[in-house]
Amino acid sequence: MDPQIISYTLVVALLTLTPGADTLLVIRNVLSGGRLSGFATTLGGNCGLFVHATLSALGLSVILVNSALAYELVKTAGAVYLVYLGIKSFYQAIRRPRPSGDNLNQGQQNTPPKSFRVSFLEGFFTNILNPKVAIFYLAFLPQFIRPQDPVLIKSLGLAGIHAALGIIWLGSLSFVLHRGRSFIQTSAFRRWLEGISGLVLVGLGIRLVFEKR
C-alpha cells in the first residue's frame, strides 16, 4: 500500500477520534431520535467532507484563507448554526418530562421521531459551515497529491477515506448509545446529557466567533 495513504489514514483517524461538534451532534440526535437519526447525522457530516475536498481541489478554499471578509462570514454562519443547535438541545431537555413507571412506554411512543432528512442536514451543515475544515483540507490534502495525480479524483478519494473512518466511528457510537437509550430515557441522565450537549454546542459556537485564523 502507498506509504502516503497509510500516513494520511493515521492522521485523519486521530482527527476522527477527537471529539468535536460532530460527535456532540450525533449524541444529541441519538438521544432525541434514536440510532437512525444518529446515523443520518453521521452520514450528513461526512458527506460534507466531499464538498470541502472538491472546493480544495478547485482552489476555492483559497478565498477563505486570503479573504478576511469571506472567512468571517463563513465562521459567523457556522457559529450561529452551532448556537442554534445548542439552544434546541436545551429546549428538548426542558420541555420533555422524564417518563417513569407505567407511563414510560406511552411517553416514548408520544415522542415524535426526528426525520432522516432533518438529521442528515444538521450533520451536513455543521460540517459545511466549519471554515476550519475547509482550511485544513486546503493545507493538508495537497501534501498527499503527486504532480501527476488527477487532483479532483485524488482529493475525493482521500475525502472518502476520511468519511469512511468517520462513518465507522460515529456509526459505532450511535449503535452503543442506542443500546443504552432505554436506560437514558428512563432517567434524569437523558435530560442532563441533552442539557450538557446544548451547553457545549453553544460554547463551541461562541468560541468559533472569537477564534482567529
N, C-alpha and C. Protein backbone atom coordinates (compact mmCIF):
# COMPACT_ATOMS: atom_id res chain seq x y z
N MET A 1 0.85 -1.20 0.00
CA MET A 1 0.00 0.00 0.00
C MET A 1 0.88 1.24 0.00
N ASP A 2 0.39 2.28 -0.63
CA ASP A 2 1.11 3.54 -0.72
C ASP A 2 1.38 4.10 0.68
N PRO A 3 2.68 4.34 1.03
CA PRO A 3 3.00 4.90 2.35
C PRO A 3 2.30 6.24 2.61
N GLN A 4 2.09 7.01 1.55
CA GLN A 4 1.38 8.29 1.71
C GLN A 4 -0.05 8.07 2.21
N ILE A 5 -0.71 7.06 1.64
CA ILE A 5 -2.08 6.77 2.04
C ILE A 5 -2.13 6.29 3.49
N ILE A 6 -1.15 5.48 3.88
CA ILE A 6 -1.10 5.00 5.26
C ILE A 6 -0.93 6.17 6.22
N SER A 7 -0.01 7.08 5.90
CA SER A 7 0.22 8.25 6.75
C SER A 7 -1.03 9.11 6.85
N TYR A 8 -1.66 9.33 5.70
CA TYR A 8 -2.89 10.13 5.68
C TYR A 8 -3.97 9.49 6.53
N THR A 9 -4.14 8.18 6.39
CA THR A 9 -5.19 7.46 7.13
C THR A 9 -4.95 7.55 8.63
N LEU A 10 -3.70 7.44 9.07
CA LEU A 10 -3.40 7.53 10.50
C LEU A 10 -3.73 8.92 11.04
N VAL A 11 -3.39 9.95 10.27
CA VAL A 11 -3.66 11.32 10.73
C VAL A 11 -5.16 11.58 10.84
N VAL A 12 -5.90 11.24 9.79
CA VAL A 12 -7.34 11.53 9.84
C VAL A 12 -8.06 10.60 10.82
N ALA A 13 -7.48 9.42 11.11
CA ALA A 13 -8.07 8.56 12.13
C ALA A 13 -8.00 9.23 13.50
N LEU A 14 -6.86 9.85 13.79
CA LEU A 14 -6.71 10.57 15.06
C LEU A 14 -7.69 11.75 15.13
N LEU A 15 -7.83 12.46 14.01
CA LEU A 15 -8.77 13.58 13.96
C LEU A 15 -10.21 13.10 14.16
N THR A 16 -10.53 11.96 13.57
CA THR A 16 -11.88 11.41 13.67
C THR A 16 -12.22 11.05 15.11
N LEU A 17 -11.24 10.52 15.84
CA LEU A 17 -11.48 10.09 17.22
C LEU A 17 -11.52 11.26 18.20
N THR A 18 -11.07 12.43 17.75
CA THR A 18 -11.09 13.61 18.62
C THR A 18 -12.51 14.18 18.68
N PRO A 19 -13.10 14.26 19.88
CA PRO A 19 -14.48 14.76 19.99
C PRO A 19 -14.59 16.20 19.50
N GLY A 20 -15.67 16.48 18.81
CA GLY A 20 -15.93 17.83 18.32
C GLY A 20 -17.42 18.05 18.18
N ALA A 21 -17.78 19.06 17.41
CA ALA A 21 -19.20 19.38 17.24
C ALA A 21 -19.96 18.22 16.59
N ASP A 22 -19.29 17.49 15.67
CA ASP A 22 -19.97 16.37 15.02
C ASP A 22 -20.31 15.26 16.02
N THR A 23 -19.39 14.98 16.93
CA THR A 23 -19.64 13.95 17.94
C THR A 23 -20.79 14.35 18.85
N LEU A 24 -20.77 15.59 19.30
CA LEU A 24 -21.84 16.06 20.18
C LEU A 24 -23.20 16.05 19.47
N LEU A 25 -23.19 16.39 18.20
CA LEU A 25 -24.44 16.42 17.45
C LEU A 25 -25.00 15.00 17.27
N VAL A 26 -24.12 14.04 17.05
CA VAL A 26 -24.56 12.65 16.93
C VAL A 26 -25.17 12.18 18.26
N ILE A 27 -24.50 12.48 19.36
CA ILE A 27 -25.02 12.09 20.68
C ILE A 27 -26.39 12.71 20.90
N ARG A 28 -26.50 13.99 20.60
CA ARG A 28 -27.77 14.71 20.79
C ARG A 28 -28.88 14.08 19.97
N ASN A 29 -28.59 13.74 18.72
CA ASN A 29 -29.64 13.23 17.84
C ASN A 29 -29.99 11.77 18.13
N VAL A 30 -29.04 10.99 18.63
CA VAL A 30 -29.38 9.64 19.06
C VAL A 30 -30.33 9.69 20.25
N LEU A 31 -30.07 10.61 21.17
CA LEU A 31 -30.93 10.74 22.34
C LEU A 31 -32.33 11.18 21.95
N SER A 32 -32.43 12.07 20.96
CA SER A 32 -33.75 12.60 20.60
C SER A 32 -34.46 11.79 19.52
N GLY A 33 -33.69 11.06 18.70
CA GLY A 33 -34.33 10.37 17.59
C GLY A 33 -33.94 8.92 17.38
N GLY A 34 -32.99 8.41 18.17
CA GLY A 34 -32.61 7.02 18.05
C GLY A 34 -31.43 6.80 17.11
N ARG A 35 -31.13 5.51 16.87
CA ARG A 35 -29.96 5.13 16.09
C ARG A 35 -30.02 5.65 14.66
N LEU A 36 -31.19 5.59 14.03
CA LEU A 36 -31.30 6.05 12.64
C LEU A 36 -30.99 7.53 12.53
N SER A 37 -31.44 8.31 13.50
CA SER A 37 -31.15 9.73 13.50
C SER A 37 -29.66 9.98 13.66
N GLY A 38 -29.02 9.20 14.53
CA GLY A 38 -27.58 9.33 14.71
C GLY A 38 -26.82 8.97 13.46
N PHE A 39 -27.26 7.92 12.76
CA PHE A 39 -26.58 7.51 11.53
C PHE A 39 -26.79 8.56 10.44
N ALA A 40 -28.00 9.14 10.36
CA ALA A 40 -28.26 10.18 9.36
C ALA A 40 -27.36 11.39 9.60
N THR A 41 -27.18 11.76 10.87
CA THR A 41 -26.29 12.87 11.21
C THR A 41 -24.86 12.56 10.81
N THR A 42 -24.43 11.33 11.09
CA THR A 42 -23.09 10.89 10.72
C THR A 42 -22.89 10.94 9.20
N LEU A 43 -23.87 10.44 8.48
CA LEU A 43 -23.79 10.42 7.03
C LEU A 43 -23.74 11.84 6.46
N GLY A 44 -24.59 12.72 6.99
CA GLY A 44 -24.61 14.11 6.51
C GLY A 44 -23.30 14.82 6.76
N GLY A 45 -22.75 14.66 7.96
CA GLY A 45 -21.48 15.31 8.28
C GLY A 45 -20.35 14.84 7.39
N ASN A 46 -20.30 13.55 7.13
CA ASN A 46 -19.22 13.01 6.32
C ASN A 46 -19.41 13.30 4.83
N CYS A 47 -20.64 13.47 4.39
CA CYS A 47 -20.86 13.92 3.01
C CYS A 47 -20.30 15.32 2.80
N GLY A 48 -20.32 16.12 3.85
CA GLY A 48 -19.76 17.46 3.77
C GLY A 48 -18.28 17.46 3.45
N LEU A 49 -17.58 16.38 3.82
CA LEU A 49 -16.15 16.31 3.54
C LEU A 49 -15.87 16.32 2.04
N PHE A 50 -16.76 15.72 1.27
CA PHE A 50 -16.56 15.70 -0.18
C PHE A 50 -16.72 17.09 -0.80
N VAL A 51 -17.57 17.90 -0.18
CA VAL A 51 -17.72 19.29 -0.64
C VAL A 51 -16.42 20.05 -0.38
N HIS A 52 -15.87 19.89 0.83
CA HIS A 52 -14.62 20.56 1.15
C HIS A 52 -13.48 20.08 0.25
N ALA A 53 -13.45 18.78 -0.02
CA ALA A 53 -12.40 18.24 -0.89
C ALA A 53 -12.51 18.81 -2.30
N THR A 54 -13.74 18.94 -2.79
CA THR A 54 -13.96 19.49 -4.13
C THR A 54 -13.54 20.95 -4.19
N LEU A 55 -13.94 21.73 -3.17
CA LEU A 55 -13.57 23.15 -3.14
C LEU A 55 -12.06 23.31 -3.04
N SER A 56 -11.44 22.44 -2.26
CA SER A 56 -9.98 22.49 -2.13
C SER A 56 -9.31 22.20 -3.47
N ALA A 57 -9.80 21.15 -4.17
CA ALA A 57 -9.22 20.78 -5.46
C ALA A 57 -9.40 21.88 -6.49
N LEU A 58 -10.52 22.59 -6.43
CA LEU A 58 -10.79 23.66 -7.39
C LEU A 58 -10.14 24.98 -6.99
N GLY A 59 -9.55 25.00 -5.80
CA GLY A 59 -8.86 26.20 -5.34
C GLY A 59 -9.76 27.23 -4.70
N LEU A 60 -11.04 26.92 -4.55
CA LEU A 60 -11.96 27.92 -4.00
C LEU A 60 -11.73 28.16 -2.51
N SER A 61 -11.17 27.17 -1.82
CA SER A 61 -10.91 27.35 -0.39
C SER A 61 -9.85 28.41 -0.15
N VAL A 62 -9.08 28.73 -1.19
CA VAL A 62 -8.07 29.79 -1.05
C VAL A 62 -8.73 31.11 -0.66
N ILE A 63 -9.96 31.28 -1.09
CA ILE A 63 -10.69 32.52 -0.77
C ILE A 63 -10.82 32.68 0.74
N LEU A 64 -11.09 31.57 1.42
CA LEU A 64 -11.24 31.64 2.88
C LEU A 64 -9.93 32.02 3.56
N VAL A 65 -8.82 31.63 2.94
CA VAL A 65 -7.52 31.94 3.52
C VAL A 65 -7.12 33.39 3.24
N ASN A 66 -7.39 33.85 2.02
CA ASN A 66 -6.92 35.17 1.60
C ASN A 66 -7.92 36.30 1.83
N SER A 67 -9.19 35.95 2.01
CA SER A 67 -10.21 36.99 2.20
C SER A 67 -10.71 36.97 3.64
N ALA A 68 -10.40 38.02 4.37
CA ALA A 68 -10.83 38.10 5.76
C ALA A 68 -12.35 38.17 5.84
N LEU A 69 -12.98 38.88 4.91
CA LEU A 69 -14.44 39.02 4.93
C LEU A 69 -15.11 37.67 4.69
N ALA A 70 -14.64 36.93 3.68
CA ALA A 70 -15.24 35.62 3.38
C ALA A 70 -15.08 34.68 4.56
N TYR A 71 -13.91 34.70 5.17
CA TYR A 71 -13.67 33.83 6.33
C TYR A 71 -14.61 34.18 7.47
N GLU A 72 -14.73 35.48 7.76
CA GLU A 72 -15.59 35.91 8.86
C GLU A 72 -17.06 35.56 8.61
N LEU A 73 -17.50 35.68 7.36
CA LEU A 73 -18.88 35.36 7.03
C LEU A 73 -19.18 33.88 7.26
N VAL A 74 -18.30 33.02 6.76
CA VAL A 74 -18.48 31.58 6.94
C VAL A 74 -18.39 31.21 8.41
N LYS A 75 -17.42 31.79 9.09
CA LYS A 75 -17.23 31.50 10.52
C LYS A 75 -18.45 31.92 11.33
N THR A 76 -18.98 33.10 11.05
CA THR A 76 -20.15 33.58 11.78
C THR A 76 -21.37 32.71 11.50
N ALA A 77 -21.56 32.31 10.25
CA ALA A 77 -22.68 31.43 9.91
C ALA A 77 -22.56 30.10 10.65
N GLY A 78 -21.36 29.56 10.70
CA GLY A 78 -21.15 28.30 11.42
C GLY A 78 -21.40 28.45 12.91
N ALA A 79 -20.94 29.56 13.48
CA ALA A 79 -21.14 29.80 14.91
C ALA A 79 -22.62 29.94 15.25
N VAL A 80 -23.34 30.69 14.43
CA VAL A 80 -24.78 30.87 14.66
C VAL A 80 -25.51 29.53 14.58
N TYR A 81 -25.11 28.70 13.64
CA TYR A 81 -25.76 27.39 13.48
C TYR A 81 -25.51 26.50 14.69
N LEU A 82 -24.28 26.49 15.20
CA LEU A 82 -23.97 25.69 16.39
C LEU A 82 -24.76 26.18 17.60
N VAL A 83 -24.85 27.49 17.76
CA VAL A 83 -25.63 28.05 18.88
C VAL A 83 -27.10 27.67 18.74
N TYR A 84 -27.61 27.72 17.52
CA TYR A 84 -29.00 27.33 17.26
C TYR A 84 -29.25 25.87 17.66
N LEU A 85 -28.34 24.98 17.28
CA LEU A 85 -28.49 23.57 17.65
C LEU A 85 -28.39 23.38 19.15
N GLY A 86 -27.50 24.15 19.80
CA GLY A 86 -27.38 24.06 21.25
C GLY A 86 -28.65 24.49 21.96
N ILE A 87 -29.25 25.57 21.47
CA ILE A 87 -30.50 26.05 22.07
C ILE A 87 -31.61 25.03 21.89
N LYS A 88 -31.63 24.37 20.73
CA LYS A 88 -32.62 23.31 20.50
C LYS A 88 -32.44 22.19 21.51
N SER A 89 -31.19 21.85 21.83
CA SER A 89 -30.93 20.80 22.82
C SER A 89 -31.45 21.22 24.20
N PHE A 90 -31.20 22.47 24.57
CA PHE A 90 -31.72 22.98 25.84
C PHE A 90 -33.24 22.85 25.89
N TYR A 91 -33.87 23.24 24.79
CA TYR A 91 -35.33 23.20 24.72
C TYR A 91 -35.85 21.77 24.88
N GLN A 92 -35.19 20.82 24.21
CA GLN A 92 -35.60 19.42 24.32
C GLN A 92 -35.41 18.90 25.74
N ALA A 93 -34.33 19.33 26.39
CA ALA A 93 -34.07 18.87 27.76
C ALA A 93 -35.12 19.40 28.73
N ILE A 94 -35.61 20.61 28.46
CA ILE A 94 -36.55 21.25 29.39
C ILE A 94 -37.99 20.82 29.14
N ARG A 95 -38.38 20.70 27.87
CA ARG A 95 -39.80 20.53 27.56
C ARG A 95 -40.31 19.12 27.77
N ARG A 96 -39.43 18.11 27.68
CA ARG A 96 -39.92 16.74 27.78
C ARG A 96 -39.79 16.24 29.21
N PRO A 97 -40.89 15.95 29.88
CA PRO A 97 -40.82 15.45 31.24
C PRO A 97 -40.21 14.06 31.26
N ARG A 98 -39.56 13.73 32.35
CA ARG A 98 -38.96 12.42 32.48
C ARG A 98 -40.04 11.37 32.66
N PRO A 99 -40.09 10.38 31.76
CA PRO A 99 -41.08 9.34 31.93
C PRO A 99 -40.71 8.42 33.08
N SER A 100 -41.70 7.86 33.76
CA SER A 100 -41.43 6.95 34.87
C SER A 100 -42.56 5.96 35.02
N GLY A 101 -42.22 4.82 35.57
CA GLY A 101 -43.22 3.82 35.90
C GLY A 101 -44.03 3.37 34.72
N ASP A 102 -45.37 3.36 34.90
CA ASP A 102 -46.26 2.84 33.87
C ASP A 102 -46.35 3.76 32.67
N ASN A 103 -45.92 5.02 32.85
CA ASN A 103 -46.03 5.97 31.74
C ASN A 103 -44.84 5.95 30.80
N LEU A 104 -43.87 5.08 31.08
CA LEU A 104 -42.65 5.07 30.28
C LEU A 104 -42.92 4.78 28.82
N ASN A 105 -43.60 3.65 28.55
CA ASN A 105 -43.83 3.27 27.16
C ASN A 105 -44.66 4.30 26.43
N GLN A 106 -45.67 4.83 27.12
CA GLN A 106 -46.52 5.84 26.50
C GLN A 106 -45.71 7.10 26.19
N GLY A 107 -44.82 7.46 27.12
CA GLY A 107 -44.01 8.66 26.91
C GLY A 107 -43.08 8.50 25.74
N GLN A 108 -42.50 7.27 25.59
CA GLN A 108 -41.60 7.06 24.47
C GLN A 108 -42.36 7.03 23.15
N GLN A 109 -43.57 6.46 23.19
CA GLN A 109 -44.35 6.39 21.96
C GLN A 109 -44.82 7.76 21.51
N ASN A 110 -45.03 8.67 22.50
CA ASN A 110 -45.53 10.00 22.15
C ASN A 110 -44.41 10.94 21.69
N THR A 111 -43.14 10.48 21.81
CA THR A 111 -42.04 11.31 21.36
C THR A 111 -41.95 11.27 19.84
N PRO A 112 -42.14 12.39 19.17
CA PRO A 112 -42.12 12.37 17.71
C PRO A 112 -40.73 12.02 17.18
N PRO A 113 -40.65 11.10 16.21
CA PRO A 113 -39.35 10.73 15.67
C PRO A 113 -38.76 11.87 14.82
N LYS A 114 -37.46 12.03 14.92
CA LYS A 114 -36.79 13.03 14.10
C LYS A 114 -36.56 12.43 12.71
N SER A 115 -36.87 13.18 11.68
CA SER A 115 -36.78 12.63 10.33
C SER A 115 -35.32 12.44 9.92
N PHE A 116 -35.10 11.48 9.02
CA PHE A 116 -33.76 11.20 8.50
C PHE A 116 -33.20 12.44 7.81
N ARG A 117 -34.05 13.11 7.06
CA ARG A 117 -33.62 14.29 6.30
C ARG A 117 -33.13 15.41 7.22
N VAL A 118 -33.89 15.68 8.28
CA VAL A 118 -33.51 16.75 9.21
C VAL A 118 -32.17 16.43 9.87
N SER A 119 -32.00 15.20 10.32
CA SER A 119 -30.74 14.81 10.97
C SER A 119 -29.58 14.87 9.98
N PHE A 120 -29.83 14.42 8.75
CA PHE A 120 -28.78 14.46 7.72
C PHE A 120 -28.34 15.90 7.47
N LEU A 121 -29.29 16.80 7.31
CA LEU A 121 -28.96 18.20 7.01
C LEU A 121 -28.26 18.87 8.19
N GLU A 122 -28.63 18.51 9.41
CA GLU A 122 -27.94 19.08 10.57
C GLU A 122 -26.47 18.70 10.55
N GLY A 123 -26.18 17.43 10.29
CA GLY A 123 -24.79 16.99 10.21
C GLY A 123 -24.06 17.64 9.04
N PHE A 124 -24.74 17.72 7.90
CA PHE A 124 -24.13 18.28 6.69
C PHE A 124 -23.76 19.75 6.88
N PHE A 125 -24.68 20.55 7.39
CA PHE A 125 -24.41 21.98 7.52
C PHE A 125 -23.43 22.27 8.65
N THR A 126 -23.42 21.44 9.69
CA THR A 126 -22.43 21.62 10.75
C THR A 126 -21.03 21.48 10.18
N ASN A 127 -20.85 20.56 9.25
CA ASN A 127 -19.54 20.36 8.62
C ASN A 127 -19.25 21.44 7.59
N ILE A 128 -20.21 21.72 6.73
CA ILE A 128 -20.01 22.70 5.64
C ILE A 128 -19.70 24.09 6.18
N LEU A 129 -20.32 24.47 7.29
CA LEU A 129 -20.16 25.82 7.82
C LEU A 129 -18.98 25.93 8.78
N ASN A 130 -18.12 24.92 8.78
CA ASN A 130 -16.92 24.97 9.63
C ASN A 130 -15.71 25.36 8.77
N PRO A 131 -15.27 26.61 8.85
CA PRO A 131 -14.17 27.05 7.98
C PRO A 131 -12.86 26.35 8.31
N LYS A 132 -12.74 25.84 9.53
CA LYS A 132 -11.51 25.13 9.91
C LYS A 132 -11.33 23.87 9.06
N VAL A 133 -12.43 23.21 8.74
CA VAL A 133 -12.35 22.00 7.90
C VAL A 133 -11.89 22.37 6.50
N ALA A 134 -12.45 23.47 5.98
CA ALA A 134 -12.07 23.90 4.62
C ALA A 134 -10.59 24.24 4.56
N ILE A 135 -10.10 24.97 5.55
CA ILE A 135 -8.70 25.37 5.55
C ILE A 135 -7.80 24.15 5.78
N PHE A 136 -8.24 23.23 6.62
CA PHE A 136 -7.47 22.01 6.85
C PHE A 136 -7.31 21.21 5.56
N TYR A 137 -8.39 21.07 4.82
CA TYR A 137 -8.32 20.33 3.56
C TYR A 137 -7.43 21.04 2.55
N LEU A 138 -7.51 22.36 2.53
CA LEU A 138 -6.69 23.12 1.58
C LEU A 138 -5.21 22.95 1.89
N ALA A 139 -4.86 22.93 3.18
CA ALA A 139 -3.46 22.84 3.58
C ALA A 139 -2.95 21.41 3.63
N PHE A 140 -3.86 20.46 3.91
CA PHE A 140 -3.43 19.09 4.21
C PHE A 140 -3.46 18.18 2.99
N LEU A 141 -4.52 18.23 2.21
CA LEU A 141 -4.66 17.29 1.09
C LEU A 141 -3.53 17.40 0.06
N PRO A 142 -3.08 18.62 -0.31
CA PRO A 142 -2.04 18.71 -1.34
C PRO A 142 -0.75 17.96 -0.98
N GLN A 143 -0.51 17.74 0.31
CA GLN A 143 0.69 17.02 0.71
C GLN A 143 0.65 15.55 0.26
N PHE A 144 -0.54 15.06 -0.06
CA PHE A 144 -0.70 13.65 -0.42
C PHE A 144 -1.12 13.49 -1.89
N ILE A 145 -0.95 14.56 -2.66
CA ILE A 145 -1.30 14.52 -4.08
C ILE A 145 -0.04 14.80 -4.89
N ARG A 146 0.36 13.84 -5.70
CA ARG A 146 1.56 13.99 -6.53
C ARG A 146 1.23 14.84 -7.76
N PRO A 147 2.24 15.45 -8.37
CA PRO A 147 2.00 16.30 -9.54
C PRO A 147 1.29 15.59 -10.69
N GLN A 148 1.54 14.29 -10.84
CA GLN A 148 0.91 13.55 -11.94
C GLN A 148 -0.48 13.03 -11.61
N ASP A 149 -0.92 13.18 -10.36
CA ASP A 149 -2.23 12.68 -9.96
C ASP A 149 -3.34 13.60 -10.46
N PRO A 150 -4.51 13.04 -10.83
CA PRO A 150 -5.68 13.88 -11.12
C PRO A 150 -6.18 14.48 -9.81
N VAL A 151 -6.07 15.78 -9.68
CA VAL A 151 -6.25 16.44 -8.39
C VAL A 151 -7.64 16.20 -7.81
N LEU A 152 -8.68 16.41 -8.61
CA LEU A 152 -10.04 16.29 -8.09
C LEU A 152 -10.34 14.85 -7.66
N ILE A 153 -9.97 13.89 -8.51
CA ILE A 153 -10.25 12.49 -8.19
C ILE A 153 -9.49 12.06 -6.95
N LYS A 154 -8.22 12.45 -6.86
CA LYS A 154 -7.41 12.07 -5.68
C LYS A 154 -7.96 12.74 -4.42
N SER A 155 -8.37 14.00 -4.53
CA SER A 155 -8.93 14.70 -3.37
C SER A 155 -10.20 14.02 -2.88
N LEU A 156 -11.06 13.63 -3.81
CA LEU A 156 -12.30 12.95 -3.42
C LEU A 156 -12.00 11.57 -2.83
N GLY A 157 -10.97 10.90 -3.34
CA GLY A 157 -10.58 9.61 -2.79
C GLY A 157 -10.07 9.74 -1.36
N LEU A 158 -9.27 10.76 -1.10
CA LEU A 158 -8.78 11.00 0.25
C LEU A 158 -9.92 11.37 1.20
N ALA A 159 -10.84 12.18 0.69
CA ALA A 159 -12.02 12.52 1.49
C ALA A 159 -12.84 11.27 1.79
N GLY A 160 -12.87 10.33 0.83
CA GLY A 160 -13.59 9.08 1.02
C GLY A 160 -13.03 8.26 2.17
N ILE A 161 -11.69 8.25 2.29
CA ILE A 161 -11.06 7.55 3.42
C ILE A 161 -11.47 8.20 4.73
N HIS A 162 -11.40 9.53 4.77
CA HIS A 162 -11.79 10.27 5.96
C HIS A 162 -13.25 10.01 6.32
N ALA A 163 -14.11 10.03 5.31
CA ALA A 163 -15.53 9.81 5.53
C ALA A 163 -15.81 8.39 6.02
N ALA A 164 -15.11 7.41 5.46
CA ALA A 164 -15.31 6.02 5.87
C ALA A 164 -14.96 5.83 7.34
N LEU A 165 -13.84 6.44 7.76
CA LEU A 165 -13.45 6.35 9.16
C LEU A 165 -14.48 7.03 10.06
N GLY A 166 -14.98 8.19 9.61
CA GLY A 166 -15.99 8.90 10.39
C GLY A 166 -17.28 8.11 10.52
N ILE A 167 -17.70 7.47 9.44
CA ILE A 167 -18.93 6.68 9.48
C ILE A 167 -18.77 5.47 10.41
N ILE A 168 -17.60 4.82 10.35
CA ILE A 168 -17.36 3.67 11.23
C ILE A 168 -17.38 4.09 12.69
N TRP A 169 -16.66 5.18 13.00
CA TRP A 169 -16.54 5.61 14.40
C TRP A 169 -17.87 6.16 14.93
N LEU A 170 -18.45 7.12 14.25
CA LEU A 170 -19.68 7.73 14.74
C LEU A 170 -20.87 6.79 14.60
N GLY A 171 -20.83 5.92 13.58
CA GLY A 171 -21.88 4.91 13.46
C GLY A 171 -21.85 3.94 14.63
N SER A 172 -20.64 3.54 15.04
CA SER A 172 -20.49 2.66 16.21
C SER A 172 -20.96 3.36 17.48
N LEU A 173 -20.63 4.65 17.59
CA LEU A 173 -21.08 5.42 18.74
C LEU A 173 -22.60 5.50 18.79
N SER A 174 -23.22 5.70 17.63
CA SER A 174 -24.68 5.74 17.57
C SER A 174 -25.29 4.42 18.03
N PHE A 175 -24.69 3.31 17.61
CA PHE A 175 -25.19 1.98 17.98
C PHE A 175 -25.09 1.77 19.49
N VAL A 176 -23.94 2.13 20.06
CA VAL A 176 -23.74 1.94 21.50
C VAL A 176 -24.71 2.80 22.30
N LEU A 177 -24.85 4.06 21.89
CA LEU A 177 -25.76 4.96 22.60
C LEU A 177 -27.21 4.48 22.48
N HIS A 178 -27.57 3.98 21.30
CA HIS A 178 -28.93 3.50 21.11
C HIS A 178 -29.22 2.29 21.99
N ARG A 179 -28.21 1.43 22.17
CA ARG A 179 -28.39 0.25 23.01
C ARG A 179 -28.69 0.65 24.46
N GLY A 180 -28.08 1.76 24.89
CA GLY A 180 -28.32 2.21 26.25
C GLY A 180 -29.39 3.27 26.36
N ARG A 181 -30.06 3.54 25.24
CA ARG A 181 -31.05 4.62 25.21
C ARG A 181 -32.23 4.36 26.12
N SER A 182 -32.62 3.09 26.28
CA SER A 182 -33.76 2.77 27.14
C SER A 182 -33.49 3.19 28.58
N PHE A 183 -32.23 2.99 29.02
CA PHE A 183 -31.87 3.45 30.37
C PHE A 183 -31.86 4.96 30.45
N ILE A 184 -31.25 5.57 29.42
CA ILE A 184 -31.13 7.03 29.41
C ILE A 184 -32.50 7.69 29.40
N GLN A 185 -33.43 7.10 28.62
CA GLN A 185 -34.77 7.69 28.51
C GLN A 185 -35.58 7.53 29.78
N THR A 186 -35.19 6.62 30.67
CA THR A 186 -35.96 6.41 31.89
C THR A 186 -35.37 7.15 33.08
N SER A 187 -34.37 7.97 32.87
CA SER A 187 -33.70 8.63 33.98
C SER A 187 -33.43 10.09 33.66
N ALA A 188 -33.04 10.83 34.69
CA ALA A 188 -32.68 12.24 34.50
C ALA A 188 -31.38 12.37 33.71
N PHE A 189 -30.68 11.23 33.55
CA PHE A 189 -29.43 11.24 32.82
C PHE A 189 -29.64 11.73 31.39
N ARG A 190 -30.77 11.37 30.75
CA ARG A 190 -31.06 11.81 29.39
C ARG A 190 -31.14 13.33 29.31
N ARG A 191 -31.90 13.91 30.23
CA ARG A 191 -32.06 15.36 30.22
C ARG A 191 -30.74 16.05 30.53
N TRP A 192 -29.98 15.44 31.42
CA TRP A 192 -28.68 16.00 31.77
C TRP A 192 -27.75 15.99 30.56
N LEU A 193 -27.74 14.88 29.81
CA LEU A 193 -26.90 14.78 28.63
C LEU A 193 -27.31 15.78 27.55
N GLU A 194 -28.62 15.92 27.35
CA GLU A 194 -29.10 16.88 26.34
C GLU A 194 -28.73 18.30 26.74
N GLY A 195 -28.86 18.59 28.04
CA GLY A 195 -28.50 19.92 28.52
C GLY A 195 -27.02 20.20 28.35
N ILE A 196 -26.19 19.21 28.70
CA ILE A 196 -24.74 19.37 28.56
C ILE A 196 -24.36 19.50 27.09
N SER A 197 -24.99 18.68 26.22
CA SER A 197 -24.71 18.78 24.79
C SER A 197 -25.06 20.17 24.27
N GLY A 198 -26.20 20.70 24.72
CA GLY A 198 -26.60 22.04 24.31
C GLY A 198 -25.60 23.08 24.77
N LEU A 199 -25.15 22.95 26.02
CA LEU A 199 -24.19 23.90 26.57
C LEU A 199 -22.88 23.88 25.78
N VAL A 200 -22.41 22.68 25.46
CA VAL A 200 -21.14 22.57 24.73
C VAL A 200 -21.28 23.08 23.30
N LEU A 201 -22.40 22.78 22.65
CA LEU A 201 -22.62 23.29 21.29
C LEU A 201 -22.65 24.82 21.26
N VAL A 202 -23.34 25.40 22.24
CA VAL A 202 -23.36 26.87 22.33
C VAL A 202 -21.94 27.39 22.58
N GLY A 203 -21.21 26.71 23.47
CA GLY A 203 -19.84 27.11 23.76
C GLY A 203 -18.94 27.02 22.54
N LEU A 204 -19.10 25.96 21.75
CA LEU A 204 -18.31 25.83 20.52
C LEU A 204 -18.64 26.94 19.53
N GLY A 205 -19.92 27.30 19.46
CA GLY A 205 -20.32 28.38 18.57
C GLY A 205 -19.72 29.71 18.99
N ILE A 206 -19.75 29.98 20.30
CA ILE A 206 -19.19 31.24 20.80
C ILE A 206 -17.68 31.27 20.60
N ARG A 207 -17.03 30.13 20.85
CA ARG A 207 -15.58 30.07 20.67
C ARG A 207 -15.22 30.29 19.20
N LEU A 208 -16.03 29.75 18.29
CA LEU A 208 -15.76 29.92 16.87
C LEU A 208 -15.81 31.38 16.46
N VAL A 209 -16.72 32.14 17.08
CA VAL A 209 -16.83 33.56 16.75
C VAL A 209 -15.53 34.31 17.05
N PHE A 210 -14.91 33.96 18.19
CA PHE A 210 -13.71 34.70 18.63
C PHE A 210 -12.41 34.03 18.20
N GLU A 211 -12.51 32.91 17.47
CA GLU A 211 -11.32 32.19 17.06
C GLU A 211 -10.63 32.91 15.92
N LYS A 212 -9.32 32.98 16.01
CA LYS A 212 -8.52 33.60 14.94
C LYS A 212 -8.09 32.51 13.96
N ARG A 213 -7.78 32.96 12.74
CA ARG A 213 -7.31 32.02 11.72
C ARG A 213 -5.94 31.48 12.08
